[in-house]
Structures are given as structure tokens and as C-alpha cells.
Amino acid sequence: MAYVFGGPDRRRAQPSPVLVSLAVTTLFAIAFATLCPIGLRPHLASADEERFGAYFVLGGLAALASGRRTAQAAVLVVLAAFALEYAQHLAPSRHAHLADAMVKALGGVAGALAAQLTFPARRWLARAMKPAAAPVRPRAY
């Protein structure tokens, strides 16, 4: 079977460098907030809401950066959640809890799923915003 070019609307095989940079920056920010002394950690909401929200954003960015490999991105975010929670054993003022890791993992998976749902919505919007073709008028001879 011959390869048929899907056109410019087809999802890119290469990840966007901007999305990858945002995902890596988000991961580093989460790692800092997870491992820094508790006094340096930002407080915006309750602890579980902050955990869920941070990993939701990370899961969404990782899924968007990975294109069609959303499941692999979600697994990496879940592994990062458990690894960073376990790394809190190294910080003297922090305490690792399995429940915290579960909230983080749930946030990452929810973010990846939400990002995956944006693909059909973006496709529909692109088709809806495409200008209509001019009607073909028969020639008068």
C-alpha cells in the first residue's frame, strides 16, 4: 500500500518544541515545590487541590507534546508523581504519603485525558472555521 500524504491538517509526528519545553519546565517547577522546604512552597489552595492541579497541567502538556502517544505520556507523569513523592524521604522537612502520590497520579491522568479530548474539538473547530468554497456556477455559452 502506498503512502498517502494526509495534508497539513494531519497531526505532526514530531512533538512541538514549545510544548516539550513547557512540559519540562512544569515538571521542574513541580519537583522544586515537592522537594523544597515547606516554607518555600507556594500556597494557592488546599494541598490536594494544588497537587491535583499541578499534575493536571503537567499531564495535559505532556499529552499534547506527545501527540498520539498519550498513554505513554500519562504513564510517565504517573511515574514522576510516585518518584517525586518518594524523593520527599530525602528532604528533612517533607513527608511522603501514598495518598498524596495517588492524588498527583489522578491529576496527571485526568490532564492527559482532557488533552486527548481536545484533538477532536480542535479538528471540529478547524473545519468550522475553514472558509466555504465558492459555489460553482455553470458557464453560459
N, C-alpha and C. Protein backbone atom coordinates (compact mmCIF):
# COMPACT_ATOMS: atom_id res chain seq x y z
N MET A 1 0.84 -1.17 0.00
CA MET A 1 0.00 0.00 0.00
C MET A 1 0.89 1.24 0.00
N ALA A 2 0.57 2.17 -0.85
CA ALA A 2 1.36 3.38 -0.98
C ALA A 2 0.99 4.39 0.10
N TYR A 3 1.96 5.17 0.50
CA TYR A 3 1.72 6.20 1.50
C TYR A 3 0.99 7.37 0.86
N VAL A 4 -0.05 7.82 1.51
CA VAL A 4 -0.82 8.96 1.03
C VAL A 4 -0.64 10.09 2.04
N PHE A 5 -0.20 11.25 1.55
CA PHE A 5 0.00 12.40 2.43
C PHE A 5 -1.33 12.87 2.96
N GLY A 6 -1.43 13.02 4.27
CA GLY A 6 -2.68 13.41 4.92
C GLY A 6 -2.95 14.89 4.89
N GLY A 7 -2.04 15.68 4.37
CA GLY A 7 -2.27 17.11 4.29
C GLY A 7 -1.73 17.85 5.50
N PRO A 8 -1.77 19.16 5.46
CA PRO A 8 -1.22 19.96 6.56
C PRO A 8 -2.04 19.87 7.84
N ASP A 9 -3.29 19.39 7.75
CA ASP A 9 -4.13 19.30 8.95
C ASP A 9 -3.81 18.06 9.78
N ARG A 10 -3.03 17.15 9.24
CA ARG A 10 -2.71 15.91 9.95
C ARG A 10 -1.80 16.24 11.13
N ARG A 11 -1.99 15.51 12.23
CA ARG A 11 -1.15 15.74 13.41
C ARG A 11 0.31 15.49 13.09
N ARG A 12 1.17 16.31 13.64
CA ARG A 12 2.59 16.19 13.39
C ARG A 12 3.17 14.98 14.08
N ALA A 13 4.12 14.34 13.43
CA ALA A 13 4.80 13.20 14.04
C ALA A 13 5.83 13.68 15.06
N GLN A 14 6.40 14.84 14.83
CA GLN A 14 7.39 15.39 15.74
C GLN A 14 6.70 16.25 16.80
N PRO A 15 7.11 16.12 18.06
CA PRO A 15 6.49 16.96 19.09
C PRO A 15 6.88 18.43 18.93
N SER A 16 6.00 19.28 19.35
CA SER A 16 6.26 20.71 19.30
C SER A 16 7.33 21.06 20.33
N PRO A 17 8.40 21.75 19.93
CA PRO A 17 9.43 22.13 20.90
C PRO A 17 8.89 23.03 22.00
N VAL A 18 7.91 23.85 21.68
CA VAL A 18 7.32 24.74 22.69
C VAL A 18 6.59 23.92 23.75
N LEU A 19 5.78 22.94 23.31
CA LEU A 19 5.05 22.11 24.27
C LEU A 19 5.99 21.26 25.11
N VAL A 20 7.03 20.75 24.49
CA VAL A 20 8.01 19.95 25.24
C VAL A 20 8.69 20.83 26.29
N SER A 21 9.07 22.05 25.90
CA SER A 21 9.72 22.97 26.85
C SER A 21 8.79 23.32 28.00
N LEU A 22 7.52 23.56 27.69
CA LEU A 22 6.55 23.87 28.75
C LEU A 22 6.36 22.69 29.69
N ALA A 23 6.29 21.49 29.14
CA ALA A 23 6.12 20.30 29.97
C ALA A 23 7.33 20.09 30.88
N VAL A 24 8.53 20.24 30.35
CA VAL A 24 9.74 20.06 31.15
C VAL A 24 9.86 21.14 32.22
N THR A 25 9.53 22.38 31.86
CA THR A 25 9.56 23.47 32.83
C THR A 25 8.54 23.23 33.95
N THR A 26 7.38 22.74 33.58
CA THR A 26 6.35 22.43 34.58
C THR A 26 6.83 21.31 35.50
N LEU A 27 7.46 20.29 34.93
CA LEU A 27 7.98 19.20 35.74
C LEU A 27 9.03 19.71 36.73
N PHE A 28 9.93 20.58 36.28
CA PHE A 28 10.95 21.14 37.18
C PHE A 28 10.32 22.00 38.27
N ALA A 29 9.29 22.76 37.93
CA ALA A 29 8.61 23.58 38.94
C ALA A 29 7.92 22.70 39.98
N ILE A 30 7.31 21.61 39.52
CA ILE A 30 6.66 20.68 40.44
C ILE A 30 7.71 20.00 41.32
N ALA A 31 8.84 19.62 40.73
CA ALA A 31 9.90 18.98 41.51
C ALA A 31 10.42 19.94 42.57
N PHE A 32 10.58 21.21 42.23
CA PHE A 32 11.04 22.18 43.22
C PHE A 32 10.02 22.32 44.35
N ALA A 33 8.74 22.47 43.97
CA ALA A 33 7.71 22.64 45.00
C ALA A 33 7.56 21.38 45.86
N THR A 34 7.85 20.22 45.29
CA THR A 34 7.73 18.97 46.03
C THR A 34 8.88 18.77 47.00
N LEU A 35 10.09 19.17 46.62
CA LEU A 35 11.27 18.85 47.40
C LEU A 35 11.84 20.01 48.21
N CYS A 36 11.37 21.22 47.97
CA CYS A 36 11.89 22.37 48.72
C CYS A 36 11.37 22.35 50.15
N PRO A 37 11.99 23.12 51.04
CA PRO A 37 11.44 23.23 52.40
C PRO A 37 10.00 23.75 52.34
N ILE A 38 9.19 23.28 53.27
CA ILE A 38 7.75 23.57 53.24
C ILE A 38 7.46 25.07 53.25
N GLY A 39 8.34 25.87 53.83
CA GLY A 39 8.13 27.32 53.87
C GLY A 39 8.29 27.99 52.53
N LEU A 40 9.03 27.39 51.62
CA LEU A 40 9.24 27.97 50.29
C LEU A 40 8.18 27.55 49.28
N ARG A 41 7.37 26.55 49.65
CA ARG A 41 6.36 26.05 48.71
C ARG A 41 5.23 27.06 48.59
N PRO A 42 4.80 27.34 47.35
CA PRO A 42 3.68 28.28 47.19
C PRO A 42 2.37 27.66 47.69
N HIS A 43 1.50 28.50 48.23
CA HIS A 43 0.20 28.04 48.73
C HIS A 43 -0.88 28.83 48.02
N LEU A 44 -1.62 28.16 47.13
CA LEU A 44 -2.68 28.82 46.38
C LEU A 44 -4.06 28.31 46.75
N ALA A 45 -4.14 27.05 47.18
CA ALA A 45 -5.41 26.43 47.54
C ALA A 45 -5.09 25.35 48.58
N SER A 46 -6.01 24.43 48.79
CA SER A 46 -5.71 23.33 49.70
C SER A 46 -4.62 22.47 49.07
N ALA A 47 -3.93 21.71 49.88
CA ALA A 47 -2.79 20.94 49.39
C ALA A 47 -3.20 19.95 48.30
N ASP A 48 -4.32 19.25 48.49
CA ASP A 48 -4.75 18.27 47.49
C ASP A 48 -5.17 18.95 46.19
N GLU A 49 -5.81 20.12 46.28
CA GLU A 49 -6.18 20.84 45.06
C GLU A 49 -4.94 21.31 44.31
N GLU A 50 -3.93 21.77 45.04
CA GLU A 50 -2.68 22.19 44.40
C GLU A 50 -2.00 21.01 43.71
N ARG A 51 -1.94 19.87 44.41
CA ARG A 51 -1.32 18.67 43.82
C ARG A 51 -2.05 18.25 42.56
N PHE A 52 -3.37 18.13 42.66
CA PHE A 52 -4.15 17.70 41.51
C PHE A 52 -3.99 18.68 40.35
N GLY A 53 -4.09 19.97 40.64
CA GLY A 53 -3.99 20.98 39.59
C GLY A 53 -2.63 21.01 38.90
N ALA A 54 -1.57 20.90 39.69
CA ALA A 54 -0.23 20.92 39.09
C ALA A 54 -0.02 19.72 38.17
N TYR A 55 -0.42 18.56 38.62
CA TYR A 55 -0.24 17.38 37.79
C TYR A 55 -1.24 17.31 36.65
N PHE A 56 -2.40 17.95 36.79
CA PHE A 56 -3.35 18.06 35.69
C PHE A 56 -2.71 18.85 34.55
N VAL A 57 -2.08 19.97 34.91
CA VAL A 57 -1.40 20.78 33.89
C VAL A 57 -0.25 19.99 33.27
N LEU A 58 0.55 19.32 34.10
CA LEU A 58 1.67 18.53 33.58
C LEU A 58 1.18 17.41 32.68
N GLY A 59 0.14 16.71 33.09
CA GLY A 59 -0.41 15.63 32.26
C GLY A 59 -0.93 16.15 30.93
N GLY A 60 -1.60 17.29 30.96
CA GLY A 60 -2.11 17.87 29.72
C GLY A 60 -1.00 18.30 28.78
N LEU A 61 0.01 18.96 29.32
CA LEU A 61 1.14 19.39 28.48
C LEU A 61 1.90 18.20 27.92
N ALA A 62 2.11 17.19 28.76
CA ALA A 62 2.84 16.01 28.29
C ALA A 62 2.05 15.28 27.20
N ALA A 63 0.74 15.20 27.36
CA ALA A 63 -0.09 14.54 26.34
C ALA A 63 -0.11 15.32 25.04
N LEU A 64 -0.22 16.63 25.12
CA LEU A 64 -0.20 17.44 23.91
C LEU A 64 1.16 17.37 23.22
N ALA A 65 2.22 17.33 24.00
CA ALA A 65 3.57 17.26 23.42
C ALA A 65 3.83 15.89 22.79
N SER A 66 3.17 14.86 23.30
CA SER A 66 3.45 13.51 22.80
C SER A 66 2.62 13.14 21.60
N GLY A 67 1.64 13.95 21.22
CA GLY A 67 0.83 13.65 20.05
C GLY A 67 -0.03 12.43 20.26
N ARG A 68 0.24 11.37 19.52
CA ARG A 68 -0.58 10.15 19.59
C ARG A 68 -0.15 9.22 20.71
N ARG A 69 0.87 9.55 21.42
CA ARG A 69 1.38 8.68 22.50
C ARG A 69 0.89 9.16 23.86
N THR A 70 -0.39 9.41 23.97
CA THR A 70 -0.96 9.94 25.20
C THR A 70 -0.82 8.97 26.35
N ALA A 71 -1.05 7.69 26.10
CA ALA A 71 -0.96 6.69 27.17
C ALA A 71 0.46 6.65 27.74
N GLN A 72 1.46 6.71 26.87
CA GLN A 72 2.84 6.70 27.34
C GLN A 72 3.15 7.96 28.14
N ALA A 73 2.62 9.09 27.71
CA ALA A 73 2.83 10.34 28.45
C ALA A 73 2.18 10.26 29.82
N ALA A 74 0.97 9.69 29.89
CA ALA A 74 0.28 9.56 31.17
C ALA A 74 1.05 8.63 32.11
N VAL A 75 1.61 7.55 31.58
CA VAL A 75 2.40 6.64 32.42
C VAL A 75 3.63 7.35 32.96
N LEU A 76 4.29 8.14 32.13
CA LEU A 76 5.47 8.87 32.60
C LEU A 76 5.11 9.89 33.68
N VAL A 77 3.97 10.56 33.55
CA VAL A 77 3.55 11.52 34.57
C VAL A 77 3.23 10.80 35.88
N VAL A 78 2.58 9.64 35.78
CA VAL A 78 2.27 8.85 36.99
C VAL A 78 3.57 8.39 37.66
N LEU A 79 4.52 7.93 36.87
CA LEU A 79 5.81 7.52 37.43
C LEU A 79 6.53 8.70 38.08
N ALA A 80 6.45 9.87 37.45
CA ALA A 80 7.08 11.06 38.03
C ALA A 80 6.40 11.43 39.35
N ALA A 81 5.08 11.28 39.42
CA ALA A 81 4.35 11.60 40.65
C ALA A 81 4.82 10.71 41.80
N PHE A 82 4.92 9.41 41.54
CA PHE A 82 5.35 8.50 42.60
C PHE A 82 6.83 8.69 42.93
N ALA A 83 7.66 8.94 41.92
CA ALA A 83 9.09 9.13 42.17
C ALA A 83 9.35 10.39 42.99
N LEU A 84 8.67 11.49 42.65
CA LEU A 84 8.87 12.73 43.40
C LEU A 84 8.30 12.61 44.81
N GLU A 85 7.21 11.88 44.95
CA GLU A 85 6.67 11.69 46.30
C GLU A 85 7.63 10.86 47.13
N TYR A 86 8.20 9.84 46.53
CA TYR A 86 9.17 9.01 47.24
C TYR A 86 10.43 9.82 47.57
N ALA A 87 10.82 10.73 46.68
CA ALA A 87 12.01 11.55 46.91
C ALA A 87 11.87 12.48 48.09
N GLN A 88 10.65 12.68 48.56
CA GLN A 88 10.46 13.52 49.74
C GLN A 88 11.09 12.90 50.98
N HIS A 89 11.39 11.59 50.94
CA HIS A 89 12.11 10.98 52.05
C HIS A 89 13.50 11.58 52.20
N LEU A 90 14.04 12.16 51.10
CA LEU A 90 15.37 12.76 51.14
C LEU A 90 15.36 14.16 51.74
N ALA A 91 14.21 14.81 51.72
CA ALA A 91 14.09 16.17 52.26
C ALA A 91 13.72 16.08 53.74
N PRO A 92 14.50 16.71 54.60
CA PRO A 92 14.26 16.55 56.04
C PRO A 92 12.93 17.12 56.52
N SER A 93 12.43 18.17 55.87
CA SER A 93 11.21 18.80 56.36
C SER A 93 9.95 18.31 55.65
N ARG A 94 10.08 17.32 54.76
CA ARG A 94 8.94 16.85 53.98
C ARG A 94 8.62 15.42 54.34
N HIS A 95 7.36 15.02 54.13
CA HIS A 95 6.91 13.68 54.47
C HIS A 95 6.16 13.11 53.28
N ALA A 96 6.55 11.94 52.84
CA ALA A 96 5.91 11.28 51.70
C ALA A 96 4.71 10.48 52.17
N HIS A 97 3.62 10.56 51.41
CA HIS A 97 2.40 9.81 51.72
C HIS A 97 1.87 9.20 50.43
N LEU A 98 1.42 7.97 50.51
CA LEU A 98 0.86 7.29 49.34
C LEU A 98 -0.39 8.02 48.84
N ALA A 99 -1.20 8.54 49.74
CA ALA A 99 -2.41 9.25 49.33
C ALA A 99 -2.07 10.48 48.49
N ASP A 100 -1.00 11.18 48.85
CA ASP A 100 -0.58 12.34 48.06
C ASP A 100 -0.16 11.92 46.65
N ALA A 101 0.57 10.82 46.57
CA ALA A 101 1.00 10.32 45.25
C ALA A 101 -0.20 9.91 44.41
N MET A 102 -1.21 9.36 45.04
CA MET A 102 -2.40 8.95 44.30
C MET A 102 -3.16 10.17 43.75
N VAL A 103 -3.24 11.24 44.54
CA VAL A 103 -3.90 12.47 44.07
C VAL A 103 -3.12 13.04 42.89
N LYS A 104 -1.80 13.04 42.99
CA LYS A 104 -0.96 13.55 41.90
C LYS A 104 -1.13 12.71 40.64
N ALA A 105 -1.11 11.39 40.80
CA ALA A 105 -1.27 10.50 39.64
C ALA A 105 -2.64 10.68 39.00
N LEU A 106 -3.68 10.81 39.80
CA LEU A 106 -5.02 11.03 39.27
C LEU A 106 -5.09 12.35 38.51
N GLY A 107 -4.45 13.38 39.03
CA GLY A 107 -4.41 14.66 38.32
C GLY A 107 -3.69 14.56 36.99
N GLY A 108 -2.57 13.83 36.96
CA GLY A 108 -1.83 13.66 35.71
C GLY A 108 -2.62 12.91 34.66
N VAL A 109 -3.29 11.84 35.07
CA VAL A 109 -4.10 11.06 34.12
C VAL A 109 -5.29 11.88 33.64
N ALA A 110 -5.93 12.62 34.54
CA ALA A 110 -7.07 13.46 34.14
C ALA A 110 -6.62 14.54 33.15
N GLY A 111 -5.45 15.12 33.37
CA GLY A 111 -4.93 16.12 32.44
C GLY A 111 -4.63 15.54 31.08
N ALA A 112 -4.05 14.33 31.06
CA ALA A 112 -3.76 13.67 29.78
C ALA A 112 -5.04 13.34 29.04
N LEU A 113 -6.06 12.88 29.76
CA LEU A 113 -7.34 12.59 29.11
C LEU A 113 -8.01 13.86 28.59
N ALA A 114 -7.93 14.92 29.35
CA ALA A 114 -8.51 16.19 28.90
C ALA A 114 -7.80 16.69 27.65
N ALA A 115 -6.50 16.54 27.61
CA ALA A 115 -5.74 16.96 26.43
C ALA A 115 -6.11 16.10 25.23
N GLN A 116 -6.32 14.82 25.45
CA GLN A 116 -6.69 13.92 24.36
C GLN A 116 -8.05 14.32 23.79
N LEU A 117 -8.94 14.80 24.64
CA LEU A 117 -10.27 15.22 24.18
C LEU A 117 -10.22 16.51 23.38
N THR A 118 -9.12 17.25 23.49
CA THR A 118 -9.03 18.49 22.71
C THR A 118 -8.78 18.24 21.23
N PHE A 119 -8.24 17.07 20.87
CA PHE A 119 -7.96 16.80 19.46
C PHE A 119 -9.21 16.81 18.60
N PRO A 120 -10.29 16.09 18.96
CA PRO A 120 -11.50 16.18 18.14
C PRO A 120 -12.11 17.58 18.15
N ALA A 121 -12.04 18.26 19.28
CA ALA A 121 -12.59 19.62 19.35
C ALA A 121 -11.81 20.57 18.44
N ARG A 122 -10.50 20.46 18.45
CA ARG A 122 -9.68 21.32 17.58
C ARG A 122 -9.91 21.00 16.12
N ARG A 123 -10.09 19.71 15.79
CA ARG A 123 -10.36 19.32 14.40
C ARG A 123 -11.71 19.89 13.95
N TRP A 124 -12.71 19.80 14.83
CA TRP A 124 -14.03 20.33 14.50
C TRP A 124 -13.97 21.84 14.31
N LEU A 125 -13.25 22.54 15.20
CA LEU A 125 -13.12 23.98 15.06
C LEU A 125 -12.40 24.37 13.79
N ALA A 126 -11.36 23.61 13.44
CA ALA A 126 -10.62 23.93 12.20
C ALA A 126 -11.52 23.76 10.98
N ARG A 127 -12.34 22.74 11.01
CA ARG A 127 -13.25 22.53 9.88
C ARG A 127 -14.34 23.60 9.86
N ALA A 128 -14.81 24.01 11.02
CA ALA A 128 -15.86 25.02 11.09
C ALA A 128 -15.35 26.39 10.67
N MET A 129 -14.08 26.67 10.94
CA MET A 129 -13.51 27.98 10.62
C MET A 129 -12.99 28.06 9.19
N LYS A 130 -12.91 26.93 8.51
CA LYS A 130 -12.40 26.92 7.14
C LYS A 130 -13.40 27.67 6.25
N PRO A 131 -12.91 28.58 5.42
CA PRO A 131 -13.84 29.33 4.57
C PRO A 131 -14.53 28.40 3.57
N ALA A 132 -15.79 28.69 3.34
CA ALA A 132 -16.56 27.86 2.42
C ALA A 132 -16.07 28.09 0.99
N ALA A 133 -16.09 27.04 0.22
CA ALA A 133 -15.67 27.15 -1.17
C ALA A 133 -16.73 27.95 -1.94
N ALA A 134 -16.28 28.70 -2.90
CA ALA A 134 -17.20 29.49 -3.72
C ALA A 134 -18.06 28.55 -4.54
N PRO A 135 -19.33 28.85 -4.66
CA PRO A 135 -20.20 27.96 -5.43
C PRO A 135 -19.78 27.97 -6.91
N VAL A 136 -19.90 26.83 -7.51
CA VAL A 136 -19.53 26.69 -8.91
C VAL A 136 -20.76 27.04 -9.75
N ARG A 137 -20.58 28.04 -10.59
CA ARG A 137 -21.69 28.45 -11.46
C ARG A 137 -21.47 27.88 -12.85
N PRO A 138 -22.53 27.37 -13.43
CA PRO A 138 -22.37 26.84 -14.80
C PRO A 138 -22.09 27.98 -15.78
N ARG A 139 -21.30 27.67 -16.76
CA ARG A 139 -20.97 28.68 -17.77
C ARG A 139 -22.14 28.88 -18.73
N ALA A 140 -22.34 30.11 -19.10
CA ALA A 140 -23.35 30.40 -20.11
C ALA A 140 -22.65 30.45 -21.46
N TYR A 141 -23.09 29.66 -22.37
CA TYR A 141 -22.48 29.64 -23.71
C TYR A 141 -23.25 30.44 -24.67
